[in-house]
């Protein structure tokens, strides 16, 4: 509930198999509903910059280190043309 669009975020994951990679990005939407047909009731957090193939399950944090949730899915594969959905914590 304290999240806003454009808030900076970060994650540590294994994008494209590159283990222990630090990624930073921002929140692009705070309550994306009905996007995942498996779980239409979850209000996902849409992100940019922290979600790539291989990052599913990685924790996503605010700039001050508070966890906001876990990476669930990545849509698109080109940098600058993809986004992620985070299951809120």
N, C-alpha and C. Protein backbone atom coordinates (compact mmCIF):
# COMPACT_ATOMS: atom_id res chain seq x y z
N UNK A 1 0.81 -1.20 0.00
CA UNK A 1 0.00 0.00 0.00
C UNK A 1 0.86 1.27 0.00
N UNK A 2 2.12 1.15 0.40
CA UNK A 2 3.02 2.30 0.41
C UNK A 2 3.76 2.47 -0.91
N UNK A 3 3.48 1.61 -1.88
CA UNK A 3 4.21 1.65 -3.15
C UNK A 3 3.57 2.63 -4.11
N UNK A 4 4.41 3.26 -4.92
CA UNK A 4 3.93 4.20 -5.92
C UNK A 4 4.63 3.93 -7.25
N UNK A 5 3.98 4.32 -8.32
CA UNK A 5 4.59 4.22 -9.64
C UNK A 5 5.87 5.05 -9.64
N UNK A 6 6.91 4.50 -10.22
CA UNK A 6 8.24 5.10 -10.35
C UNK A 6 9.12 4.91 -9.12
N UNK A 7 8.65 4.23 -8.07
CA UNK A 7 9.51 3.94 -6.92
C UNK A 7 10.67 3.06 -7.39
N UNK A 8 11.90 3.36 -6.96
CA UNK A 8 13.03 2.50 -7.32
C UNK A 8 12.98 1.17 -6.58
N UNK A 9 13.40 0.12 -7.26
CA UNK A 9 13.42 -1.23 -6.69
C UNK A 9 14.70 -1.93 -7.12
N UNK A 10 15.01 -3.06 -6.46
CA UNK A 10 16.15 -3.88 -6.89
C UNK A 10 15.89 -5.34 -6.59
N UNK A 11 16.68 -6.20 -7.22
CA UNK A 11 16.56 -7.64 -7.04
C UNK A 11 17.92 -8.27 -7.31
N UNK A 12 18.14 -9.44 -6.75
CA UNK A 12 19.33 -10.24 -7.05
C UNK A 12 18.81 -11.57 -7.57
N UNK A 13 19.21 -11.94 -8.77
CA UNK A 13 18.70 -13.16 -9.38
C UNK A 13 19.69 -13.75 -10.36
N UNK A 14 19.19 -14.60 -11.24
CA UNK A 14 20.04 -15.26 -12.23
C UNK A 14 19.47 -15.05 -13.64
N UNK A 15 19.46 -13.81 -14.12
CA UNK A 15 18.92 -13.57 -15.45
C UNK A 15 19.75 -14.26 -16.51
N UNK A 16 19.06 -15.02 -17.35
CA UNK A 16 19.72 -15.72 -18.45
C UNK A 16 20.87 -16.59 -17.97
N UNK A 17 20.79 -17.10 -16.73
CA UNK A 17 21.81 -17.98 -16.17
C UNK A 17 23.00 -17.28 -15.54
N UNK A 18 22.99 -15.96 -15.47
CA UNK A 18 24.09 -15.21 -14.87
C UNK A 18 23.83 -15.08 -13.37
N UNK A 19 24.35 -16.03 -12.59
CA UNK A 19 24.02 -16.11 -11.17
C UNK A 19 24.46 -14.86 -10.40
N UNK A 20 23.72 -14.58 -9.32
CA UNK A 20 24.02 -13.48 -8.40
C UNK A 20 24.13 -12.12 -9.10
N UNK A 21 23.22 -11.85 -10.00
CA UNK A 21 23.22 -10.56 -10.70
C UNK A 21 22.35 -9.56 -9.96
N UNK A 22 22.85 -8.35 -9.78
CA UNK A 22 22.12 -7.26 -9.15
C UNK A 22 21.40 -6.48 -10.24
N UNK A 23 20.09 -6.32 -10.10
CA UNK A 23 19.30 -5.59 -11.09
C UNK A 23 18.52 -4.50 -10.40
N UNK A 24 18.45 -3.35 -11.01
CA UNK A 24 17.63 -2.29 -10.44
C UNK A 24 16.63 -1.81 -11.48
N UNK A 25 15.52 -1.32 -10.99
CA UNK A 25 14.46 -0.86 -11.87
C UNK A 25 13.49 0.01 -11.11
N UNK A 26 12.23 -0.04 -11.53
CA UNK A 26 11.22 0.77 -10.87
C UNK A 26 9.85 0.11 -11.00
N UNK A 27 8.92 0.57 -10.20
CA UNK A 27 7.55 0.08 -10.25
C UNK A 27 6.82 0.84 -11.35
N UNK A 28 6.15 0.08 -12.22
CA UNK A 28 5.40 0.73 -13.30
C UNK A 28 3.89 0.63 -13.13
N UNK A 29 3.42 -0.19 -12.21
CA UNK A 29 1.99 -0.27 -11.86
C UNK A 29 1.89 -0.97 -10.52
N UNK A 30 0.97 -0.54 -9.68
CA UNK A 30 0.92 -1.10 -8.32
C UNK A 30 -0.15 -2.15 -8.10
N UNK A 31 -1.11 -2.29 -9.00
CA UNK A 31 -2.17 -3.26 -8.78
C UNK A 31 -2.72 -3.78 -10.11
N UNK A 32 -1.95 -4.64 -10.75
CA UNK A 32 -2.33 -5.18 -12.06
C UNK A 32 -3.17 -6.43 -11.86
N UNK A 33 -4.48 -6.31 -12.04
CA UNK A 33 -5.42 -7.41 -11.84
C UNK A 33 -5.75 -8.10 -13.16
N UNK A 34 -6.16 -9.36 -13.07
CA UNK A 34 -6.64 -10.15 -14.22
C UNK A 34 -5.61 -10.31 -15.33
N UNK A 35 -4.34 -10.27 -15.00
CA UNK A 35 -3.32 -10.43 -16.05
C UNK A 35 -2.84 -11.87 -16.15
N UNK A 36 -2.88 -12.59 -15.05
CA UNK A 36 -2.44 -13.97 -15.01
C UNK A 36 -3.67 -14.87 -14.97
N UNK A 37 -3.95 -15.62 -16.04
CA UNK A 37 -5.16 -16.44 -16.06
C UNK A 37 -5.21 -17.49 -14.96
N UNK A 38 -4.05 -17.91 -14.46
CA UNK A 38 -4.03 -18.88 -13.36
C UNK A 38 -4.47 -18.26 -12.04
N UNK A 39 -4.14 -17.00 -11.84
CA UNK A 39 -4.44 -16.31 -10.57
C UNK A 39 -5.00 -14.91 -10.85
N UNK A 40 -6.21 -14.81 -11.39
CA UNK A 40 -6.74 -13.50 -11.76
C UNK A 40 -7.03 -12.57 -10.58
N UNK A 41 -7.13 -13.12 -9.37
CA UNK A 41 -7.47 -12.30 -8.22
C UNK A 41 -6.26 -11.65 -7.54
N UNK A 42 -5.04 -12.02 -7.93
CA UNK A 42 -3.85 -11.45 -7.30
C UNK A 42 -3.57 -10.06 -7.88
N UNK A 43 -3.39 -9.05 -7.02
CA UNK A 43 -3.06 -7.70 -7.48
C UNK A 43 -1.55 -7.57 -7.69
N UNK A 44 -1.05 -8.06 -8.81
CA UNK A 44 0.39 -8.05 -9.08
C UNK A 44 0.95 -6.63 -9.12
N UNK A 45 2.23 -6.54 -8.79
CA UNK A 45 2.98 -5.31 -8.93
C UNK A 45 3.74 -5.43 -10.25
N UNK A 46 3.53 -4.50 -11.15
CA UNK A 46 4.23 -4.53 -12.44
C UNK A 46 5.54 -3.77 -12.31
N UNK A 47 6.62 -4.38 -12.79
CA UNK A 47 7.95 -3.78 -12.63
C UNK A 47 8.68 -3.68 -13.96
N UNK A 48 9.70 -2.88 -13.97
CA UNK A 48 10.59 -2.74 -15.11
C UNK A 48 12.02 -2.81 -14.60
N UNK A 49 12.85 -3.61 -15.25
CA UNK A 49 14.27 -3.64 -14.93
C UNK A 49 14.72 -4.74 -13.99
N UNK A 50 13.81 -5.47 -13.36
CA UNK A 50 14.24 -6.50 -12.41
C UNK A 50 13.73 -7.89 -12.76
N UNK A 51 13.14 -8.04 -13.93
CA UNK A 51 12.55 -9.33 -14.29
C UNK A 51 13.04 -9.77 -15.67
N UNK A 52 13.76 -10.87 -15.67
CA UNK A 52 14.27 -11.46 -16.91
C UNK A 52 14.13 -12.97 -16.79
N UNK A 53 14.28 -13.68 -17.89
CA UNK A 53 14.25 -15.14 -17.84
C UNK A 53 15.27 -15.62 -16.83
N UNK A 54 14.86 -16.50 -15.93
CA UNK A 54 15.75 -17.01 -14.89
C UNK A 54 15.61 -16.30 -13.56
N UNK A 55 14.74 -15.28 -13.49
CA UNK A 55 14.57 -14.53 -12.24
C UNK A 55 13.29 -14.88 -11.50
N UNK A 56 12.54 -15.83 -11.99
CA UNK A 56 11.31 -16.22 -11.29
C UNK A 56 11.64 -16.68 -9.88
N UNK A 57 10.88 -16.20 -8.92
CA UNK A 57 11.09 -16.55 -7.53
C UNK A 57 12.05 -15.66 -6.79
N UNK A 58 12.75 -14.78 -7.50
CA UNK A 58 13.68 -13.86 -6.83
C UNK A 58 12.91 -12.78 -6.09
N UNK A 59 13.39 -12.43 -4.91
CA UNK A 59 12.77 -11.37 -4.13
C UNK A 59 13.04 -10.01 -4.77
N UNK A 60 12.06 -9.13 -4.65
CA UNK A 60 12.19 -7.76 -5.15
C UNK A 60 12.05 -6.83 -3.95
N UNK A 61 12.94 -5.84 -3.85
CA UNK A 61 13.04 -4.97 -2.69
C UNK A 61 12.88 -3.50 -3.07
N UNK A 62 12.42 -2.70 -2.10
CA UNK A 62 12.43 -1.25 -2.28
C UNK A 62 13.86 -0.76 -2.12
N UNK A 63 14.09 0.49 -2.43
CA UNK A 63 15.44 1.05 -2.33
C UNK A 63 15.98 1.00 -0.90
N UNK A 64 15.08 1.01 0.10
CA UNK A 64 15.55 0.95 1.49
C UNK A 64 15.59 -0.47 2.04
N UNK A 65 15.44 -1.49 1.16
CA UNK A 65 15.65 -2.88 1.55
C UNK A 65 14.44 -3.65 2.03
N UNK A 66 13.25 -3.09 1.92
CA UNK A 66 12.04 -3.81 2.33
C UNK A 66 11.54 -4.66 1.17
N UNK A 67 11.22 -5.91 1.45
CA UNK A 67 10.75 -6.81 0.40
C UNK A 67 9.34 -6.41 -0.03
N UNK A 68 9.11 -6.36 -1.35
CA UNK A 68 7.76 -6.07 -1.83
C UNK A 68 7.09 -7.32 -2.37
N UNK A 69 7.88 -8.34 -2.73
CA UNK A 69 7.30 -9.58 -3.23
C UNK A 69 8.30 -10.41 -4.01
N UNK A 70 7.77 -11.40 -4.76
CA UNK A 70 8.59 -12.32 -5.53
C UNK A 70 8.25 -12.23 -7.01
N UNK A 71 9.30 -12.27 -7.85
CA UNK A 71 9.08 -12.28 -9.29
C UNK A 71 8.25 -13.48 -9.68
N UNK A 72 7.20 -13.26 -10.45
CA UNK A 72 6.32 -14.34 -10.90
C UNK A 72 6.49 -14.62 -12.39
N UNK A 73 6.57 -13.58 -13.19
CA UNK A 73 6.59 -13.77 -14.64
C UNK A 73 7.29 -12.61 -15.32
N UNK A 74 7.85 -12.90 -16.50
CA UNK A 74 8.46 -11.91 -17.35
C UNK A 74 7.73 -11.91 -18.68
N UNK A 75 7.41 -10.74 -19.18
CA UNK A 75 6.76 -10.62 -20.47
C UNK A 75 7.67 -9.81 -21.39
N UNK A 76 8.08 -10.43 -22.48
CA UNK A 76 9.03 -9.81 -23.40
C UNK A 76 10.44 -10.20 -23.02
N UNK A 77 11.34 -10.15 -23.96
CA UNK A 77 12.72 -10.56 -23.67
C UNK A 77 13.73 -9.47 -24.01
N UNK A 78 13.34 -8.46 -24.75
CA UNK A 78 14.29 -7.41 -25.13
C UNK A 78 14.38 -6.37 -24.02
N UNK A 79 15.61 -5.98 -23.67
CA UNK A 79 15.79 -4.95 -22.65
C UNK A 79 15.14 -3.67 -23.15
N UNK A 80 14.38 -3.04 -22.29
CA UNK A 80 13.67 -1.83 -22.67
C UNK A 80 12.30 -2.11 -23.26
N UNK A 81 12.01 -3.39 -23.48
CA UNK A 81 10.73 -3.75 -24.07
C UNK A 81 10.14 -4.96 -23.35
N UNK A 82 10.33 -5.03 -22.06
CA UNK A 82 9.79 -6.13 -21.27
C UNK A 82 9.38 -5.62 -19.90
N UNK A 83 8.56 -6.41 -19.21
CA UNK A 83 8.16 -6.04 -17.86
C UNK A 83 7.93 -7.32 -17.06
N UNK A 84 7.86 -7.16 -15.76
CA UNK A 84 7.65 -8.30 -14.89
C UNK A 84 6.45 -8.12 -14.00
N UNK A 85 5.95 -9.24 -13.50
CA UNK A 85 4.88 -9.20 -12.50
C UNK A 85 5.42 -9.79 -11.21
N UNK A 86 5.17 -9.10 -10.12
CA UNK A 86 5.65 -9.51 -8.81
C UNK A 86 4.45 -9.85 -7.94
N UNK A 87 4.50 -11.03 -7.29
CA UNK A 87 3.47 -11.40 -6.33
C UNK A 87 3.75 -10.58 -5.07
N UNK A 88 2.79 -9.75 -4.65
CA UNK A 88 3.05 -8.89 -3.49
C UNK A 88 3.25 -9.69 -2.20
N UNK A 89 4.10 -9.16 -1.34
CA UNK A 89 4.38 -9.78 -0.05
C UNK A 89 3.32 -9.37 0.94
